[in-house]
Amino acid sequence: MNAPTEMSHEDVLRVKLEVLRREHRDLDAAIGALQEAVNPDQLTLRRLKKQKLALKDEISRIEDELTPDIIA
């Protein structure tokens, strides 16, 4: 029987990055739908936007970690 293969740190980051991107898209859709409501809840909108921004920051951090620094 084959032993489970461990994922490299980079592979784990790539999977996490894809999950975060999906969550970011979902939040974007939720924000859009809420904004189209007749009487949108402003507090909920602010919370969702703040959460979306935090996800964007985390996505950027992971992308920076995955992208090697190239000195031109």
Protein backbone atom coordinates (compact mmCIF):
# COMPACT_ATOMS: atom_id res chain seq x y z
CA MET A 1 0.00 0.00 0.00
CA ASN A 2 1.34 3.44 -0.90
CA ALA A 3 2.17 5.83 1.91
CA PRO A 4 0.41 9.21 1.69
CA THR A 5 2.55 11.79 -0.04
CA GLU A 6 3.17 14.98 1.84
CA MET A 7 2.51 18.24 0.07
CA SER A 8 5.29 20.77 -0.10
CA HIS A 9 4.87 24.13 1.59
CA GLU A 10 4.43 25.70 -1.85
CA ASP A 11 1.68 23.22 -2.78
CA VAL A 12 -0.16 23.97 0.47
CA LEU A 13 0.07 27.70 -0.26
CA ARG A 14 -1.27 27.20 -3.79
CA VAL A 15 -4.29 25.27 -2.48
CA LYS A 16 -4.92 27.89 0.21
CA LEU A 17 -4.61 30.63 -2.41
CA GLU A 18 -7.29 29.01 -4.57
CA VAL A 19 -9.62 28.64 -1.57
CA LEU A 20 -9.10 32.30 -0.60
CA ARG A 21 -9.74 33.44 -4.18
CA ARG A 22 -12.99 31.47 -4.23
CA GLU A 23 -14.06 33.01 -0.91
CA HIS A 24 -13.19 36.46 -2.28
CA ARG A 25 -15.36 35.88 -5.36
CA ASP A 26 -18.21 34.60 -3.19
CA LEU A 27 -18.02 37.66 -0.95
CA ASP A 28 -17.98 39.90 -4.01
CA ALA A 29 -21.17 38.24 -5.26
CA ALA A 30 -22.80 38.51 -1.81
CA ILE A 31 -21.90 42.20 -1.58
CA GLY A 32 -23.29 42.83 -5.04
CA ALA A 33 -26.54 41.06 -4.23
CA LEU A 34 -26.90 42.92 -0.93
CA GLN A 35 -26.27 46.28 -2.59
CA GLU A 36 -29.08 45.58 -5.06
CA ALA A 37 -31.55 44.97 -2.23
CA VAL A 38 -34.28 47.55 -1.67
CA ASN A 39 -33.00 48.47 1.79
CA PRO A 40 -29.49 47.01 2.21
CA ASP A 41 -28.14 46.53 5.73
CA GLN A 42 -25.23 48.97 5.84
CA LEU A 43 -23.59 47.29 8.83
CA THR A 44 -23.58 43.92 7.07
CA LEU A 45 -22.24 45.56 3.90
CA ARG A 46 -19.36 47.14 5.85
CA ARG A 47 -18.53 43.85 7.53
CA LEU A 48 -18.54 41.95 4.24
CA LYS A 49 -16.37 44.58 2.57
CA LYS A 50 -13.92 44.50 5.48
CA GLN A 51 -13.78 40.70 5.29
CA LYS A 52 -13.25 40.89 1.51
CA LEU A 53 -10.38 43.35 1.99
CA ALA A 54 -8.76 41.06 4.58
CA LEU A 55 -9.00 38.18 2.11
CA LYS A 56 -7.41 40.33 -0.59
CA ASP A 57 -4.53 41.18 1.75
CA GLU A 58 -4.02 37.49 2.58
CA ILE A 59 -4.14 36.58 -1.13
CA SER A 60 -1.50 39.23 -1.86
CA ARG A 61 0.70 37.98 0.97
CA ILE A 62 0.58 34.40 -0.32
CA GLU A 63 1.18 35.50 -3.93
CA ASP A 64 4.23 37.44 -2.76
CA GLU A 65 5.51 34.39 -0.93
CA LEU A 66 5.03 32.18 -3.99
CA THR A 67 6.60 34.66 -6.41
CA PRO A 68 10.36 34.70 -6.21
CA ASP A 69 12.05 38.07 -5.90
CA ILE A 70 13.75 38.91 -9.18
CA ILE A 71 16.32 41.65 -9.07
CA ALA A 72 16.29 43.36 -12.45
